[in-house]
Amino acid sequence: MQQIDLVIFDLDGTITDPAEGIVNSIARALFAMNRPMISEEICRRFIGPALMDSFTRYCNMTKEEARQAIAYFREYYGEHGMYECYVFDGMEPLFRRLKDAGKRLAVATAKAEPFAKKLLHHYGIDQYFDCIAAASLDNARNDKAAIITYALSSLGIDDPGRAIMVGDREFDILGAHEVGMPAIGVLYGYGTREELERAGAEHIVKTPEEAGNVILHA
């Protein structure tokens, strides 16, 4: 692995554990649409992918129905759900360690941009990031590769090989590879080792500290 200048982090399942807020927001959306609630196990599969993909796949919705569900989801999430989460232990020390080593940091998340920025500010960790790239509210930018590309473009990075993605789901790994970046899969989030290996993660780690060791070749 060549010298890494930029480290891009996924948000849900990598920086924060958002499960409670995600489940409650899904429940609000399905109740508003007179749909039966899905299992908590299925709800957890919403963590990582774009909401459009999850509602259509797991709730058998048309795209138009999914757009309405997303609106209900965001209504609850914006007021309550985003705060029903916590930052994983070890993340802030990792951010400080990487910044002290001269690395630039960014976020690339399928969460809607206003929510991502508000959440990171709420927990006092937005200060570590040179760029917070997220999905657009109109769903025009919700594919992980497009969001990563947006982050690279915003920071003027023209060599994606000098950046690395850190994420817990296959979407993070596949998105990074699509734009020409290596990726680290983390096991403390919601993806399994099998999922991350299948996606081709160059490294798989159990803790934020281990991710730092990989990035800094410690």
N, C-alpha and C. Protein backbone atom coordinates (compact mmCIF):
# COMPACT_ATOMS: atom_id res chain seq x y z
N MET A 1 0.85 -1.20 0.00
CA MET A 1 0.00 0.00 0.00
C MET A 1 0.88 1.24 0.00
N GLN A 2 0.63 2.15 -0.94
CA GLN A 2 1.45 3.36 -1.02
C GLN A 2 1.07 4.34 0.09
N GLN A 3 1.86 5.41 0.17
CA GLN A 3 1.64 6.43 1.19
C GLN A 3 0.20 6.96 1.13
N ILE A 4 -0.46 7.01 2.28
CA ILE A 4 -1.84 7.49 2.36
C ILE A 4 -1.86 8.92 2.88
N ASP A 5 -2.50 9.81 2.10
CA ASP A 5 -2.63 11.21 2.50
C ASP A 5 -4.01 11.52 3.06
N LEU A 6 -5.03 10.80 2.59
CA LEU A 6 -6.41 11.08 2.97
C LEU A 6 -7.09 9.81 3.45
N VAL A 7 -7.76 9.89 4.60
CA VAL A 7 -8.52 8.77 5.13
C VAL A 7 -10.00 9.15 5.13
N ILE A 8 -10.81 8.36 4.42
CA ILE A 8 -12.25 8.63 4.33
C ILE A 8 -13.01 7.60 5.16
N PHE A 9 -13.85 8.09 6.05
CA PHE A 9 -14.61 7.22 6.94
C PHE A 9 -16.08 7.17 6.54
N ASP A 10 -16.65 5.98 6.56
CA ASP A 10 -18.09 5.83 6.58
C ASP A 10 -18.58 6.37 7.93
N LEU A 11 -19.86 6.70 8.03
CA LEU A 11 -20.40 7.24 9.28
C LEU A 11 -21.16 6.18 10.08
N ASP A 12 -22.35 5.79 9.61
CA ASP A 12 -23.16 4.82 10.34
C ASP A 12 -22.49 3.46 10.36
N GLY A 13 -22.23 2.94 11.55
CA GLY A 13 -21.62 1.63 11.69
C GLY A 13 -20.12 1.65 11.69
N THR A 14 -19.53 2.83 11.46
CA THR A 14 -18.07 2.96 11.46
C THR A 14 -17.63 4.00 12.48
N ILE A 15 -18.20 5.19 12.42
CA ILE A 15 -17.93 6.22 13.42
C ILE A 15 -18.95 6.12 14.55
N THR A 16 -20.21 5.94 14.19
CA THR A 16 -21.28 5.86 15.20
C THR A 16 -22.05 4.56 15.09
N ASP A 17 -22.68 4.18 16.20
CA ASP A 17 -23.64 3.08 16.20
C ASP A 17 -25.03 3.72 16.20
N PRO A 18 -25.70 3.71 15.06
CA PRO A 18 -26.98 4.43 14.92
C PRO A 18 -28.21 3.55 15.05
N ALA A 19 -28.05 2.30 15.53
CA ALA A 19 -29.12 1.31 15.41
C ALA A 19 -30.44 1.77 16.00
N GLU A 20 -30.44 2.30 17.21
CA GLU A 20 -31.69 2.68 17.85
C GLU A 20 -32.45 3.72 17.04
N GLY A 21 -31.75 4.75 16.60
CA GLY A 21 -32.40 5.81 15.84
C GLY A 21 -32.88 5.34 14.48
N ILE A 22 -32.13 4.45 13.84
CA ILE A 22 -32.53 3.92 12.54
C ILE A 22 -33.80 3.07 12.68
N VAL A 23 -33.81 2.19 13.68
CA VAL A 23 -34.98 1.32 13.89
C VAL A 23 -36.22 2.17 14.18
N ASN A 24 -36.08 3.16 15.04
CA ASN A 24 -37.23 4.00 15.38
C ASN A 24 -37.72 4.82 14.19
N SER A 25 -36.80 5.26 13.34
CA SER A 25 -37.18 6.04 12.17
C SER A 25 -37.89 5.17 11.13
N ILE A 26 -37.43 3.93 10.98
CA ILE A 26 -38.12 3.00 10.09
C ILE A 26 -39.53 2.72 10.60
N ALA A 27 -39.64 2.51 11.91
CA ALA A 27 -40.96 2.24 12.50
C ALA A 27 -41.92 3.38 12.24
N ARG A 28 -41.44 4.61 12.39
CA ARG A 28 -42.26 5.79 12.13
C ARG A 28 -42.72 5.82 10.67
N ALA A 29 -41.80 5.53 9.75
CA ALA A 29 -42.13 5.57 8.33
C ALA A 29 -43.16 4.51 7.97
N LEU A 30 -42.95 3.30 8.45
CA LEU A 30 -43.87 2.21 8.10
C LEU A 30 -45.24 2.41 8.73
N PHE A 31 -45.28 2.91 9.96
CA PHE A 31 -46.56 3.20 10.61
C PHE A 31 -47.34 4.24 9.82
N ALA A 32 -46.64 5.30 9.37
CA ALA A 32 -47.29 6.38 8.63
C ALA A 32 -47.85 5.89 7.30
N MET A 33 -47.26 4.83 6.75
CA MET A 33 -47.70 4.30 5.46
C MET A 33 -48.58 3.05 5.62
N ASN A 34 -49.00 2.78 6.86
CA ASN A 34 -49.85 1.61 7.14
C ASN A 34 -49.22 0.31 6.66
N ARG A 35 -47.93 0.22 6.87
CA ARG A 35 -47.18 -0.98 6.53
C ARG A 35 -46.80 -1.72 7.81
N PRO A 36 -46.71 -3.04 7.77
CA PRO A 36 -46.29 -3.79 8.96
C PRO A 36 -44.82 -3.52 9.28
N MET A 37 -44.51 -3.53 10.55
CA MET A 37 -43.13 -3.33 10.97
C MET A 37 -42.30 -4.55 10.59
N ILE A 38 -41.07 -4.32 10.17
CA ILE A 38 -40.16 -5.42 9.84
C ILE A 38 -39.34 -5.77 11.08
N SER A 39 -38.66 -6.88 11.03
CA SER A 39 -37.89 -7.34 12.19
C SER A 39 -36.70 -6.41 12.44
N GLU A 40 -36.22 -6.44 13.68
CA GLU A 40 -35.05 -5.62 14.02
C GLU A 40 -33.84 -6.05 13.21
N GLU A 41 -33.74 -7.35 12.93
CA GLU A 41 -32.63 -7.85 12.12
C GLU A 41 -32.64 -7.21 10.72
N ILE A 42 -33.82 -7.13 10.12
CA ILE A 42 -33.93 -6.51 8.80
C ILE A 42 -33.66 -5.02 8.91
N CYS A 43 -34.15 -4.38 9.97
CA CYS A 43 -33.89 -2.95 10.17
C CYS A 43 -32.40 -2.66 10.16
N ARG A 44 -31.63 -3.54 10.77
CA ARG A 44 -30.18 -3.30 10.87
C ARG A 44 -29.50 -3.38 9.50
N ARG A 45 -30.16 -4.01 8.54
CA ARG A 45 -29.60 -4.06 7.19
C ARG A 45 -29.73 -2.71 6.50
N PHE A 46 -30.54 -1.81 7.05
CA PHE A 46 -30.65 -0.45 6.53
C PHE A 46 -29.39 0.37 6.84
N ILE A 47 -28.58 -0.08 7.79
CA ILE A 47 -27.41 0.69 8.22
C ILE A 47 -26.31 0.52 7.18
N GLY A 48 -26.05 1.57 6.44
CA GLY A 48 -25.02 1.54 5.41
C GLY A 48 -25.53 1.90 4.02
N PRO A 49 -26.46 1.11 3.46
CA PRO A 49 -26.93 1.39 2.10
C PRO A 49 -27.80 2.65 2.04
N ALA A 50 -28.06 3.10 0.82
CA ALA A 50 -28.98 4.21 0.61
C ALA A 50 -30.39 3.79 1.02
N LEU A 51 -31.16 4.71 1.59
CA LEU A 51 -32.52 4.41 2.04
C LEU A 51 -33.41 3.95 0.88
N MET A 52 -33.25 4.54 -0.28
CA MET A 52 -34.04 4.14 -1.44
C MET A 52 -33.86 2.65 -1.72
N ASP A 53 -32.62 2.20 -1.70
CA ASP A 53 -32.35 0.78 -1.96
C ASP A 53 -32.96 -0.10 -0.88
N SER A 54 -32.85 0.33 0.38
CA SER A 54 -33.34 -0.50 1.49
C SER A 54 -34.86 -0.59 1.53
N PHE A 55 -35.54 0.52 1.34
CA PHE A 55 -37.01 0.47 1.38
C PHE A 55 -37.57 -0.35 0.21
N THR A 56 -36.98 -0.22 -0.96
CA THR A 56 -37.47 -0.99 -2.09
C THR A 56 -37.15 -2.48 -1.93
N ARG A 57 -35.98 -2.78 -1.38
CA ARG A 57 -35.54 -4.17 -1.27
C ARG A 57 -36.21 -4.90 -0.11
N TYR A 58 -36.25 -4.27 1.05
CA TYR A 58 -36.69 -4.98 2.25
C TYR A 58 -38.16 -4.76 2.59
N CYS A 59 -38.78 -3.74 1.98
CA CYS A 59 -40.19 -3.46 2.27
C CYS A 59 -41.07 -3.60 1.04
N ASN A 60 -40.50 -4.09 -0.05
CA ASN A 60 -41.25 -4.33 -1.29
C ASN A 60 -42.00 -3.08 -1.76
N MET A 61 -41.33 -1.95 -1.70
CA MET A 61 -41.93 -0.69 -2.13
C MET A 61 -41.51 -0.33 -3.54
N THR A 62 -42.39 0.37 -4.22
CA THR A 62 -42.01 0.99 -5.48
C THR A 62 -41.11 2.18 -5.16
N LYS A 63 -40.47 2.75 -6.16
CA LYS A 63 -39.61 3.90 -5.91
C LYS A 63 -40.42 5.09 -5.39
N GLU A 64 -41.63 5.25 -5.91
CA GLU A 64 -42.48 6.35 -5.44
C GLU A 64 -42.86 6.14 -3.97
N GLU A 65 -43.22 4.92 -3.61
CA GLU A 65 -43.53 4.62 -2.22
C GLU A 65 -42.31 4.81 -1.33
N ALA A 66 -41.16 4.41 -1.84
CA ALA A 66 -39.92 4.56 -1.06
C ALA A 66 -39.60 6.03 -0.82
N ARG A 67 -39.86 6.88 -1.79
CA ARG A 67 -39.63 8.32 -1.60
C ARG A 67 -40.49 8.86 -0.47
N GLN A 68 -41.75 8.41 -0.39
CA GLN A 68 -42.63 8.85 0.69
C GLN A 68 -42.14 8.29 2.03
N ALA A 69 -41.70 7.05 2.02
CA ALA A 69 -41.18 6.45 3.25
C ALA A 69 -39.94 7.20 3.74
N ILE A 70 -39.09 7.58 2.80
CA ILE A 70 -37.88 8.33 3.16
C ILE A 70 -38.25 9.67 3.79
N ALA A 71 -39.29 10.31 3.27
CA ALA A 71 -39.73 11.59 3.83
C ALA A 71 -40.19 11.42 5.27
N TYR A 72 -40.97 10.37 5.55
CA TYR A 72 -41.42 10.10 6.92
C TYR A 72 -40.22 9.73 7.81
N PHE A 73 -39.33 8.92 7.25
CA PHE A 73 -38.13 8.52 7.99
C PHE A 73 -37.33 9.74 8.42
N ARG A 74 -37.10 10.66 7.47
CA ARG A 74 -36.28 11.83 7.76
C ARG A 74 -36.97 12.79 8.72
N GLU A 75 -38.29 12.80 8.68
CA GLU A 75 -39.04 13.67 9.60
C GLU A 75 -38.74 13.28 11.05
N TYR A 76 -38.83 11.98 11.33
CA TYR A 76 -38.53 11.51 12.69
C TYR A 76 -37.04 11.60 12.98
N TYR A 77 -36.24 11.18 12.00
CA TYR A 77 -34.79 11.12 12.21
C TYR A 77 -34.21 12.51 12.50
N GLY A 78 -34.70 13.51 11.78
CA GLY A 78 -34.17 14.86 11.98
C GLY A 78 -34.47 15.44 13.34
N GLU A 79 -35.58 15.02 13.94
CA GLU A 79 -35.97 15.55 15.25
C GLU A 79 -35.47 14.70 16.41
N HIS A 80 -35.42 13.38 16.19
CA HIS A 80 -35.10 12.48 17.30
C HIS A 80 -34.04 11.44 16.96
N GLY A 81 -34.23 10.75 15.84
CA GLY A 81 -33.44 9.56 15.55
C GLY A 81 -31.95 9.78 15.48
N MET A 82 -31.52 10.91 14.95
CA MET A 82 -30.08 11.12 14.79
C MET A 82 -29.35 11.18 16.13
N TYR A 83 -30.08 11.51 17.18
CA TYR A 83 -29.45 11.61 18.50
C TYR A 83 -29.56 10.30 19.28
N GLU A 84 -30.24 9.33 18.72
CA GLU A 84 -30.38 8.03 19.37
C GLU A 84 -29.25 7.12 18.88
N CYS A 85 -28.04 7.53 19.15
CA CYS A 85 -26.86 6.78 18.73
C CYS A 85 -25.69 7.17 19.62
N TYR A 86 -24.54 6.58 19.39
CA TYR A 86 -23.34 6.97 20.14
C TYR A 86 -22.11 6.75 19.27
N VAL A 87 -21.05 7.48 19.60
CA VAL A 87 -19.77 7.33 18.89
C VAL A 87 -19.04 6.12 19.45
N PHE A 88 -18.56 5.26 18.57
CA PHE A 88 -17.83 4.07 19.01
C PHE A 88 -16.59 4.46 19.81
N ASP A 89 -16.32 3.67 20.85
CA ASP A 89 -15.10 3.87 21.63
C ASP A 89 -13.88 3.76 20.72
N GLY A 90 -12.94 4.65 20.91
CA GLY A 90 -11.69 4.60 20.16
C GLY A 90 -11.67 5.44 18.91
N MET A 91 -12.83 5.98 18.49
CA MET A 91 -12.84 6.75 17.25
C MET A 91 -12.15 8.10 17.40
N GLU A 92 -12.48 8.84 18.45
CA GLU A 92 -11.86 10.15 18.58
C GLU A 92 -10.35 10.05 18.79
N PRO A 93 -9.84 9.11 19.60
CA PRO A 93 -8.39 8.94 19.67
C PRO A 93 -7.77 8.61 18.31
N LEU A 94 -8.49 7.83 17.49
CA LEU A 94 -7.99 7.52 16.15
C LEU A 94 -7.91 8.78 15.30
N PHE A 95 -8.94 9.62 15.35
CA PHE A 95 -8.92 10.87 14.57
C PHE A 95 -7.73 11.74 14.98
N ARG A 96 -7.51 11.86 16.28
CA ARG A 96 -6.40 12.69 16.76
C ARG A 96 -5.06 12.11 16.32
N ARG A 97 -4.95 10.80 16.39
CA ARG A 97 -3.70 10.14 16.00
C ARG A 97 -3.40 10.38 14.53
N LEU A 98 -4.41 10.26 13.69
CA LEU A 98 -4.21 10.45 12.25
C LEU A 98 -3.90 11.91 11.92
N LYS A 99 -4.59 12.84 12.58
CA LYS A 99 -4.33 14.26 12.34
C LYS A 99 -2.92 14.62 12.79
N ASP A 100 -2.49 14.07 13.93
CA ASP A 100 -1.13 14.32 14.42
C ASP A 100 -0.07 13.80 13.46
N ALA A 101 -0.45 12.77 12.69
CA ALA A 101 0.47 12.21 11.70
C ALA A 101 0.40 12.95 10.36
N GLY A 102 -0.41 14.00 10.30
CA GLY A 102 -0.48 14.82 9.10
C GLY A 102 -1.48 14.34 8.05
N LYS A 103 -2.37 13.43 8.42
CA LYS A 103 -3.35 12.94 7.46
C LYS A 103 -4.55 13.88 7.37
N ARG A 104 -5.14 13.96 6.19
CA ARG A 104 -6.41 14.64 6.02
C ARG A 104 -7.51 13.61 6.22
N LEU A 105 -8.63 14.05 6.81
CA LEU A 105 -9.74 13.14 7.09
C LEU A 105 -11.01 13.63 6.43
N ALA A 106 -11.84 12.69 6.02
CA ALA A 106 -13.13 13.03 5.42
C ALA A 106 -14.15 11.98 5.81
N VAL A 107 -15.41 12.32 5.62
CA VAL A 107 -16.52 11.39 5.82
C VAL A 107 -17.22 11.21 4.48
N ALA A 108 -17.59 9.98 4.17
CA ALA A 108 -18.41 9.69 2.99
C ALA A 108 -19.55 8.79 3.46
N THR A 109 -20.75 9.33 3.50
CA THR A 109 -21.88 8.61 4.06
C THR A 109 -23.12 8.71 3.19
N ALA A 110 -23.93 7.65 3.21
CA ALA A 110 -25.20 7.65 2.49
C ALA A 110 -26.29 8.38 3.28
N LYS A 111 -25.96 8.85 4.48
CA LYS A 111 -26.89 9.66 5.25
C LYS A 111 -27.06 11.01 4.54
N ALA A 112 -28.25 11.60 4.63
CA ALA A 112 -28.48 12.90 3.99
C ALA A 112 -27.53 13.95 4.56
N GLU A 113 -27.03 14.81 3.70
CA GLU A 113 -25.97 15.75 4.08
C GLU A 113 -26.30 16.62 5.30
N PRO A 114 -27.49 17.24 5.39
CA PRO A 114 -27.76 18.07 6.57
C PRO A 114 -27.69 17.28 7.87
N PHE A 115 -28.17 16.03 7.84
CA PHE A 115 -28.16 15.21 9.04
C PHE A 115 -26.73 14.80 9.41
N ALA A 116 -25.93 14.45 8.41
CA ALA A 116 -24.55 14.05 8.68
C ALA A 116 -23.77 15.18 9.34
N LYS A 117 -23.90 16.38 8.79
CA LYS A 117 -23.16 17.52 9.34
C LYS A 117 -23.66 17.88 10.74
N LYS A 118 -24.98 17.84 10.94
CA LYS A 118 -25.55 18.18 12.24
C LYS A 118 -25.14 17.16 13.29
N LEU A 119 -25.15 15.87 12.92
CA LEU A 119 -24.79 14.82 13.85
C LEU A 119 -23.33 14.93 14.28
N LEU A 120 -22.43 15.10 13.34
CA LEU A 120 -21.01 15.19 13.66
C LEU A 120 -20.72 16.43 14.52
N HIS A 121 -21.44 17.51 14.24
CA HIS A 121 -21.28 18.71 15.06
C HIS A 121 -21.82 18.47 16.47
N HIS A 122 -22.95 17.78 16.57
CA HIS A 122 -23.57 17.50 17.87
C HIS A 122 -22.60 16.75 18.79
N TYR A 123 -21.86 15.82 18.22
CA TYR A 123 -20.92 15.04 19.02
C TYR A 123 -19.52 15.66 19.10
N GLY A 124 -19.37 16.84 18.52
CA GLY A 124 -18.12 17.57 18.65
C GLY A 124 -16.95 16.97 17.89
N ILE A 125 -17.23 16.21 16.83
CA ILE A 125 -16.13 15.59 16.09
C ILE A 125 -16.02 16.09 14.65
N ASP A 126 -16.88 17.03 14.28
CA ASP A 126 -16.78 17.60 12.93
C ASP A 126 -15.47 18.33 12.74
N GLN A 127 -14.86 18.77 13.84
CA GLN A 127 -13.60 19.52 13.77
C GLN A 127 -12.47 18.72 13.12
N TYR A 128 -12.57 17.40 13.12
CA TYR A 128 -11.48 16.57 12.60
C TYR A 128 -11.51 16.42 11.08
N PHE A 129 -12.62 16.80 10.43
CA PHE A 129 -12.80 16.46 9.03
C PHE A 129 -12.61 17.65 8.10
N ASP A 130 -11.84 17.40 7.05
CA ASP A 130 -11.63 18.41 6.02
C ASP A 130 -12.80 18.46 5.05
N CYS A 131 -13.59 17.40 5.03
CA CYS A 131 -14.75 17.35 4.14
C CYS A 131 -15.77 16.36 4.71
N ILE A 132 -17.04 16.75 4.67
CA ILE A 132 -18.12 15.83 5.03
C ILE A 132 -18.98 15.65 3.79
N ALA A 133 -18.79 14.54 3.11
CA ALA A 133 -19.52 14.24 1.87
C ALA A 133 -20.65 13.28 2.20
N ALA A 134 -21.84 13.60 1.71
CA ALA A 134 -23.01 12.79 2.06
C ALA A 134 -23.99 12.77 0.90
N ALA A 135 -25.08 12.04 1.12
CA ALA A 135 -26.11 11.96 0.09
C ALA A 135 -26.87 13.27 -0.02
N SER A 136 -27.29 13.60 -1.21
CA SER A 136 -28.10 14.80 -1.42
C SER A 136 -29.56 14.50 -1.07
N LEU A 137 -30.28 15.51 -0.63
CA LEU A 137 -31.67 15.31 -0.21
C LEU A 137 -32.57 14.85 -1.35
N ASP A 138 -32.21 15.17 -2.59
CA ASP A 138 -33.03 14.77 -3.73
C ASP A 138 -32.69 13.36 -4.24
N ASN A 139 -31.78 12.69 -3.52
CA ASN A 139 -31.35 11.33 -3.86
C ASN A 139 -30.57 11.24 -5.17
N ALA A 140 -30.17 12.39 -5.71
CA ALA A 140 -29.39 12.37 -6.94
C ALA A 140 -27.98 11.84 -6.68
N ARG A 141 -27.49 12.03 -5.45
CA ARG A 141 -26.17 11.52 -5.06
C ARG A 141 -26.37 10.64 -3.82
N ASN A 142 -26.59 9.34 -4.05
CA ASN A 142 -26.73 8.43 -2.91
C ASN A 142 -25.93 7.15 -3.06
N ASP A 143 -25.36 6.91 -4.23
CA ASP A 143 -24.48 5.77 -4.44
C ASP A 143 -23.14 6.03 -3.75
N LYS A 144 -22.59 5.01 -3.09
CA LYS A 144 -21.38 5.22 -2.29
C LYS A 144 -20.20 5.68 -3.14
N ALA A 145 -20.05 5.13 -4.32
CA ALA A 145 -18.95 5.55 -5.19
C ALA A 145 -19.08 7.02 -5.57
N ALA A 146 -20.32 7.46 -5.83
CA ALA A 146 -20.55 8.87 -6.19
C ALA A 146 -20.23 9.78 -5.00
N ILE A 147 -20.56 9.33 -3.80
CA ILE A 147 -20.29 10.15 -2.61
C ILE A 147 -18.79 10.23 -2.35
N ILE A 148 -18.08 9.12 -2.52
CA ILE A 148 -16.63 9.13 -2.36
C ILE A 148 -15.98 10.03 -3.40
N THR A 149 -16.46 9.94 -4.64
CA THR A 149 -15.94 10.80 -5.71
C THR A 149 -16.16 12.27 -5.38
N TYR A 150 -17.31 12.57 -4.82
CA TYR A 150 -17.63 13.94 -4.39
C TYR A 150 -16.65 14.42 -3.34
N ALA A 151 -16.31 13.55 -2.39
CA ALA A 151 -15.32 13.91 -1.36
C ALA A 151 -13.96 14.18 -1.97
N LEU A 152 -13.53 13.31 -2.87
CA LEU A 152 -12.22 13.49 -3.51
C LEU A 152 -12.18 14.79 -4.31
N SER A 153 -13.25 15.06 -5.07
CA SER A 153 -13.32 16.27 -5.87
C SER A 153 -13.32 17.51 -4.99
N SER A 154 -14.06 17.47 -3.88
CA SER A 154 -14.14 18.62 -2.98
C SER A 154 -12.79 18.97 -2.39
N LEU A 155 -11.95 17.95 -2.21
CA LEU A 155 -10.63 18.16 -1.61
C LEU A 155 -9.52 18.30 -2.65
N GLY A 156 -9.88 18.24 -3.92
CA GLY A 156 -8.88 18.39 -4.98
C GLY A 156 -7.94 17.22 -5.10
N ILE A 157 -8.41 16.03 -4.75
CA ILE A 157 -7.58 14.82 -4.81
C ILE A 157 -7.72 14.20 -6.20
N ASP A 158 -6.63 14.13 -6.94
CA ASP A 158 -6.69 13.55 -8.28
C ASP A 158 -6.05 12.17 -8.37
N ASP A 159 -5.51 11.67 -7.25
CA ASP A 159 -4.93 10.33 -7.21
C ASP A 159 -5.60 9.55 -6.09
N PRO A 160 -6.71 8.85 -6.40
CA PRO A 160 -7.45 8.13 -5.36
C PRO A 160 -6.62 7.04 -4.68
N GLY A 161 -5.55 6.60 -5.32
CA GLY A 161 -4.70 5.59 -4.73
C GLY A 161 -3.97 6.06 -3.49
N ARG A 162 -3.95 7.38 -3.26
CA ARG A 162 -3.30 7.93 -2.07
C ARG A 162 -4.33 8.21 -0.96
N ALA A 163 -5.53 7.71 -1.17
CA ALA A 163 -6.58 7.79 -0.16
C ALA A 163 -7.00 6.37 0.20
N ILE A 164 -7.68 6.24 1.35
CA ILE A 164 -8.18 4.93 1.76
C ILE A 164 -9.54 5.09 2.41
N MET A 165 -10.41 4.13 2.19
CA MET A 165 -11.75 4.13 2.77
C MET A 165 -11.79 3.21 3.98
N VAL A 166 -12.47 3.65 5.03
CA VAL A 166 -12.67 2.83 6.23
C VAL A 166 -14.18 2.67 6.42
N GLY A 167 -14.68 1.43 6.38
CA GLY A 167 -16.11 1.22 6.51
C GLY A 167 -16.45 -0.17 6.99
N ASP A 168 -17.70 -0.36 7.38
CA ASP A 168 -18.11 -1.63 7.97
C ASP A 168 -18.94 -2.51 7.05
N ARG A 169 -19.33 -2.01 5.86
CA ARG A 169 -20.19 -2.78 4.98
C ARG A 169 -19.57 -2.93 3.60
N GLU A 170 -20.09 -3.89 2.85
CA GLU A 170 -19.58 -4.14 1.51
C GLU A 170 -19.70 -2.92 0.60
N PHE A 171 -20.73 -2.10 0.84
CA PHE A 171 -20.94 -0.91 0.01
C PHE A 171 -19.75 0.04 0.11
N ASP A 172 -19.14 0.12 1.29
CA ASP A 172 -17.97 0.97 1.47
C ASP A 172 -16.78 0.44 0.69
N ILE A 173 -16.60 -0.87 0.75
CA ILE A 173 -15.47 -1.49 0.06
C ILE A 173 -15.64 -1.41 -1.45
N LEU A 174 -16.81 -1.78 -1.93
CA LEU A 174 -17.07 -1.76 -3.37
C LEU A 174 -17.04 -0.35 -3.92
N GLY A 175 -17.58 0.61 -3.18
CA GLY A 175 -17.55 2.00 -3.62
C GLY A 175 -16.13 2.52 -3.74
N ALA A 176 -15.30 2.18 -2.75
CA ALA A 176 -13.90 2.61 -2.80
C ALA A 176 -13.19 2.02 -4.00
N HIS A 177 -13.38 0.73 -4.22
CA HIS A 177 -12.72 0.07 -5.35
C HIS A 177 -13.18 0.64 -6.69
N GLU A 178 -14.45 1.02 -6.76
CA GLU A 178 -14.98 1.58 -8.01
C GLU A 178 -14.26 2.86 -8.41
N VAL A 179 -13.81 3.63 -7.42
CA VAL A 179 -13.11 4.88 -7.74
C VAL A 179 -11.59 4.72 -7.67
N GLY A 180 -11.10 3.50 -7.42
CA GLY A 180 -9.67 3.24 -7.45
C GLY A 180 -8.95 3.39 -6.13
N MET A 181 -9.68 3.22 -5.01
CA MET A 181 -9.09 3.33 -3.68
C MET A 181 -9.05 1.98 -2.99
N PRO A 182 -8.03 1.74 -2.13
CA PRO A 182 -8.08 0.57 -1.26
C PRO A 182 -9.04 0.82 -0.11
N ALA A 183 -9.37 -0.22 0.64
CA ALA A 183 -10.34 -0.07 1.72
C ALA A 183 -10.02 -0.97 2.90
N ILE A 184 -10.36 -0.47 4.07
CA ILE A 184 -10.24 -1.22 5.31
C ILE A 184 -11.65 -1.55 5.79
N GLY A 185 -11.92 -2.81 6.03
CA GLY A 185 -13.20 -3.21 6.60
C GLY A 185 -13.08 -3.35 8.10
N VAL A 186 -14.06 -2.82 8.84
CA VAL A 186 -14.03 -2.91 10.31
C VAL A 186 -15.10 -3.88 10.79
N LEU A 187 -14.77 -4.67 11.80
CA LEU A 187 -15.67 -5.71 12.29
C LEU A 187 -16.49 -5.29 13.50
N TYR A 188 -16.24 -4.10 14.03
CA TYR A 188 -17.01 -3.67 15.20
C TYR A 188 -18.35 -3.06 14.80
N GLY A 189 -18.58 -2.89 13.49
CA GLY A 189 -19.84 -2.32 13.00
C GLY A 189 -20.86 -3.39 12.65
N TYR A 190 -21.46 -3.30 11.46
CA TYR A 190 -22.58 -4.17 11.12
C TYR A 190 -22.30 -5.14 9.99
N GLY A 191 -21.12 -5.11 9.44
CA GLY A 191 -20.76 -6.07 8.41
C GLY A 191 -20.04 -7.26 9.00
N THR A 192 -20.14 -8.40 8.34
CA THR A 192 -19.44 -9.60 8.79
C THR A 192 -18.10 -9.74 8.07
N ARG A 193 -17.23 -10.56 8.63
CA ARG A 193 -15.95 -10.82 7.96
C ARG A 193 -16.20 -11.39 6.57
N GLU A 194 -17.16 -12.31 6.46
CA GLU A 194 -17.47 -12.92 5.16
C GLU A 194 -17.88 -11.86 4.14
N GLU A 195 -18.73 -10.93 4.56
CA GLU A 195 -19.18 -9.86 3.67
C GLU A 195 -18.02 -9.00 3.20
N LEU A 196 -17.15 -8.63 4.14
CA LEU A 196 -16.02 -7.76 3.81
C LEU A 196 -14.99 -8.47 2.95
N GLU A 197 -14.77 -9.75 3.23
CA GLU A 197 -13.84 -10.53 2.40
C GLU A 197 -14.39 -10.69 0.99
N ARG A 198 -15.68 -10.96 0.89
CA ARG A 198 -16.32 -11.12 -0.43
C ARG A 198 -16.22 -9.84 -1.25
N ALA A 199 -16.30 -8.70 -0.58
CA ALA A 199 -16.20 -7.42 -1.28
C ALA A 199 -14.77 -7.09 -1.67
N GLY A 200 -13.80 -7.80 -1.08
CA GLY A 200 -12.40 -7.61 -1.46
C GLY A 200 -11.64 -6.59 -0.64
N ALA A 201 -12.04 -6.38 0.62
CA ALA A 201 -11.33 -5.43 1.48
C ALA A 201 -9.86 -5.81 1.57
N GLU A 202 -8.98 -4.82 1.38
CA GLU A 202 -7.54 -5.08 1.46
C GLU A 202 -7.10 -5.44 2.88
N HIS A 203 -7.78 -4.86 3.86
CA HIS A 203 -7.48 -5.14 5.26
C HIS A 203 -8.79 -5.25 6.01
N ILE A 204 -8.83 -6.11 7.02
CA ILE A 204 -9.99 -6.24 7.90
C ILE A 204 -9.48 -6.15 9.34
N VAL A 205 -10.07 -5.25 10.12
CA VAL A 205 -9.60 -5.01 11.48
C VAL A 205 -10.76 -5.12 12.47
N LYS A 206 -10.39 -5.32 13.74
CA LYS A 206 -11.40 -5.48 14.79
C LYS A 206 -11.67 -4.21 15.57
N THR A 207 -10.73 -3.28 15.57
CA THR A 207 -10.86 -2.08 16.40
C THR A 207 -10.40 -0.84 15.64
N PRO A 208 -10.82 0.35 16.09
CA PRO A 208 -10.29 1.59 15.50
C PRO A 208 -8.76 1.68 15.61
N GLU A 209 -8.23 1.21 16.72
CA GLU A 209 -6.77 1.26 16.89
C GLU A 209 -6.06 0.44 15.82
N GLU A 210 -6.59 -0.73 15.51
CA GLU A 210 -6.00 -1.56 14.47
C GLU A 210 -6.08 -0.88 13.11
N ALA A 211 -7.18 -0.15 12.86
CA ALA A 211 -7.30 0.58 11.60
C ALA A 211 -6.20 1.64 11.51
N GLY A 212 -5.93 2.31 12.62
CA GLY A 212 -4.85 3.31 12.64
C GLY A 212 -3.50 2.67 12.37
N ASN A 213 -3.28 1.47 12.92
CA ASN A 213 -2.02 0.79 12.70
C ASN A 213 -1.81 0.46 11.23
N VAL A 214 -2.87 0.04 10.56
CA VAL A 214 -2.78 -0.27 9.14
C VAL A 214 -2.45 0.98 8.34
N ILE A 215 -3.16 2.07 8.62
CA ILE A 215 -2.98 3.31 7.87
C ILE A 215 -1.58 3.88 8.06
N LEU A 216 -1.09 3.80 9.29
CA LEU A 216 0.21 4.39 9.61
C LEU A 216 1.34 3.37 9.55
N HIS A 217 1.01 2.14 9.12
CA HIS A 217 2.00 1.05 9.00
C HIS A 217 2.70 0.81 10.34
N ALA A 218 1.96 0.92 11.44
CA ALA A 218 2.58 0.72 12.77
C ALA A 218 2.83 -0.76 13.04
